Amino acid sequence: MHTMNGRPVHVLLVDDDEVDAEAVVRAFRKLNIANPITIVSNGHEALNALRGEGGYAPIPSPYLVLLDINMPRMNGLEFLQVLRQDPDLKRSIVFILTTSSNDEDILAAYEAHVAGYILKTRAGEQFLELPQMMQRYWRVVEFPN
C-alpha cells in the first residue's frame, strides 16, 4: 500500500462501465497495490463521495480521481467544472481514463487542470500499465492537504 505521510492514497474511480472498472481493480490487485478504491458510476456520485453526502462516507485525503468522460447524468467534463469551482475540492488530483480521443475532450480536460489524459486503449490490455504509472506518481508527488 502506498501512503503519503503514513496515510494510504485513496483512489476514486469514476466509470459507468463495470467491466472497465473491474479491470482497473484487478490490475491494481495483480500488482499487489492494496490502496483503497471506491468506485462510482457518474459525476454526481463522485461529488457525493468526495463531500461525504448522499450516503457516502467522505473519501479521505490523500486521494486521486480516475475519471471517465462518457457517463450518464453528469459526465466527466461536467464533473470537472463543478469540482474546480468547489473551494474544498478544487485542488483534487484528477486523471482522465477514457475511450475518447476527441481533441475537444482532451483540451477541455487539460483546461480543467487534469494531471493526465489516458486512453483506455493505450492503458494496455487488462490496464496493467495504469496502476504502475499511478504507483510511480504517488511515490514522487506531494499531494495537497
Protein backbone atom coordinates (compact mmCIF):
# COMPACT_ATOMS: atom_id res chain seq x y z
CA MET A 1 0.00 0.00 0.00
CA HIS A 2 1.35 3.39 -0.93
CA THR A 3 1.00 6.16 1.59
CA MET A 4 1.57 9.88 1.93
CA ASN A 5 2.65 10.84 5.46
CA GLY A 6 1.55 7.41 6.68
CA ARG A 7 -1.93 7.64 5.17
CA PRO A 8 -2.93 5.46 2.20
CA VAL A 9 -3.62 7.18 -1.11
CA HIS A 10 -7.30 6.52 -1.81
CA VAL A 11 -8.40 6.05 -5.43
CA LEU A 12 -11.82 7.27 -6.53
CA LEU A 13 -12.67 5.52 -9.80
CA VAL A 14 -15.50 7.24 -11.67
CA ASP A 15 -16.64 4.99 -14.53
CA ASP A 16 -20.05 3.68 -15.56
CA ASP A 17 -18.53 0.69 -17.40
CA GLU A 18 -18.45 -2.10 -14.81
CA VAL A 19 -16.12 -4.25 -16.94
CA ASP A 20 -13.56 -1.44 -17.23
CA ALA A 21 -13.84 -0.59 -13.52
CA GLU A 22 -13.28 -4.22 -12.54
CA ALA A 23 -10.31 -4.44 -14.93
CA VAL A 24 -8.71 -1.47 -13.18
CA VAL A 25 -9.27 -3.01 -9.74
CA ARG A 26 -7.89 -6.38 -10.91
CA ALA A 27 -4.82 -4.68 -12.36
CA PHE A 28 -4.13 -2.92 -9.05
CA ARG A 29 -4.56 -6.15 -7.10
CA LYS A 30 -2.42 -8.16 -9.57
CA LEU A 31 0.45 -5.78 -8.82
CA ASN A 32 -0.25 -6.08 -5.08
CA ILE A 33 -1.32 -2.46 -4.82
CA ALA A 34 -3.68 -2.59 -1.88
CA ASN A 35 -4.69 1.05 -1.76
CA PRO A 36 -8.38 1.61 -1.07
CA ILE A 37 -10.51 2.08 -4.20
CA THR A 38 -14.02 3.49 -4.27
CA ILE A 39 -16.00 3.00 -7.50
CA VAL A 40 -18.87 5.26 -8.54
CA SER A 41 -20.67 5.40 -11.87
CA ASN A 42 -21.13 9.13 -12.59
CA GLY A 43 -20.13 12.64 -11.61
CA HIS A 44 -22.99 13.13 -9.14
CA GLU A 45 -21.96 10.05 -7.19
CA ALA A 46 -18.31 11.15 -7.31
CA LEU A 47 -19.16 14.54 -5.81
CA ASN A 48 -21.23 12.84 -3.11
CA ALA A 49 -18.33 10.51 -2.31
CA LEU A 50 -15.83 13.38 -2.11
CA ARG A 51 -18.16 15.50 0.01
CA GLY A 52 -19.45 12.69 2.21
CA GLU A 53 -23.04 13.22 1.08
CA GLY A 54 -25.82 11.02 -0.28
CA GLY A 55 -24.99 8.09 1.97
CA TYR A 56 -21.25 8.09 1.18
CA ALA A 57 -18.53 8.35 3.79
CA PRO A 58 -16.16 11.11 2.64
CA ILE A 59 -13.14 9.95 0.65
CA PRO A 60 -10.20 10.58 2.97
CA SER A 61 -7.21 12.62 1.92
CA PRO A 62 -4.85 11.95 0.23
CA TYR A 63 -6.77 10.75 -2.81
CA LEU A 64 -6.73 10.91 -6.55
CA VAL A 65 -9.54 10.56 -9.06
CA LEU A 66 -9.56 8.33 -12.15
CA LEU A 67 -12.33 9.82 -14.28
CA ASP A 68 -14.12 8.61 -17.38
CA ILE A 69 -15.63 11.26 -19.66
CA ASN A 70 -18.62 9.48 -21.21
CA MET A 71 -21.08 8.77 -18.39
CA PRO A 72 -24.81 9.27 -17.81
CA ARG A 73 -26.32 12.01 -15.62
CA MET A 74 -23.11 14.02 -15.13
CA ASN A 75 -20.23 13.28 -17.47
CA GLY A 76 -16.57 13.70 -16.63
CA LEU A 77 -16.17 17.19 -18.07
CA GLU A 78 -19.28 18.44 -16.23
CA PHE A 79 -17.91 16.87 -13.04
CA LEU A 80 -14.58 18.68 -13.54
CA GLN A 81 -16.36 22.04 -13.91
CA VAL A 82 -18.16 21.58 -10.59
CA LEU A 83 -15.06 20.16 -8.89
CA ARG A 84 -12.85 23.10 -9.86
CA GLN A 85 -15.44 25.60 -8.57
CA ASP A 86 -15.72 23.90 -5.17
CA PRO A 87 -13.30 25.56 -2.70
CA ASP A 88 -12.86 22.30 -0.77
CA LEU A 89 -12.28 20.08 -3.82
CA LYS A 90 -10.68 22.31 -6.46
CA ARG A 91 -7.16 21.02 -5.74
CA SER A 92 -8.14 17.38 -6.33
CA ILE A 93 -5.73 15.41 -8.48
CA VAL A 94 -7.62 14.01 -11.45
CA PHE A 95 -6.53 11.68 -14.23
CA ILE A 96 -8.86 11.13 -17.17
CA LEU A 97 -9.22 7.45 -18.12
CA THR A 98 -11.44 7.23 -21.19
CA THR A 99 -12.01 5.86 -24.66
CA SER A 100 -12.47 9.39 -26.06
CA SER A 101 -9.59 10.57 -28.21
CA ASN A 102 -11.63 13.62 -29.24
CA ASP A 103 -9.35 16.68 -29.35
CA GLU A 104 -12.06 18.85 -27.79
CA ASP A 105 -12.35 16.48 -24.81
CA ILE A 106 -8.58 16.42 -24.36
CA LEU A 107 -8.33 20.21 -24.48
CA ALA A 108 -11.31 20.69 -22.12
CA ALA A 109 -9.80 18.23 -19.64
CA TYR A 110 -6.42 19.95 -19.56
CA GLU A 111 -8.11 23.35 -19.29
CA ALA A 112 -9.72 21.93 -16.13
CA HIS A 113 -6.22 21.14 -14.82
CA VAL A 114 -6.17 17.35 -15.03
CA ALA A 115 -2.90 15.64 -14.15
CA GLY A 116 -3.09 13.42 -17.22
CA TYR A 117 -5.28 12.11 -20.01
CA ILE A 118 -5.07 8.37 -20.55
CA LEU A 119 -6.81 6.46 -23.32
CA LYS A 120 -8.16 3.13 -22.16
CA THR A 121 -6.95 1.55 -25.39
CA ARG A 122 -3.42 2.72 -24.60
CA ALA A 123 -3.52 1.76 -20.94
CA GLY A 124 -2.63 -1.76 -22.02
CA GLU A 125 -4.66 -4.92 -22.01
CA GLN A 126 -6.01 -5.51 -18.51
CA PHE A 127 -4.93 -1.93 -17.71
CA LEU A 128 -1.65 -3.18 -16.23
CA GLU A 129 0.28 -0.06 -17.16
CA LEU A 130 -2.17 2.20 -15.35
CA PRO A 131 -1.51 1.05 -11.77
CA GLN A 132 2.23 1.02 -12.44
CA MET A 133 2.04 4.66 -13.53
CA MET A 134 -0.11 5.55 -10.50
CA GLN A 135 2.35 3.79 -8.22
CA ARG A 136 5.27 5.82 -9.60
CA TYR A 137 3.22 9.01 -9.50
CA TRP A 138 2.26 8.90 -5.85
CA ARG A 139 5.78 7.88 -4.81
CA VAL A 140 7.23 11.18 -6.04
CA VAL A 141 4.37 13.70 -5.97
CA GLU A 142 3.29 15.71 -2.95
CA PHE A 143 -0.48 15.73 -2.54
CA PRO A 144 -2.36 18.88 -1.45
CA ASN A 145 -3.87 18.87 2.03
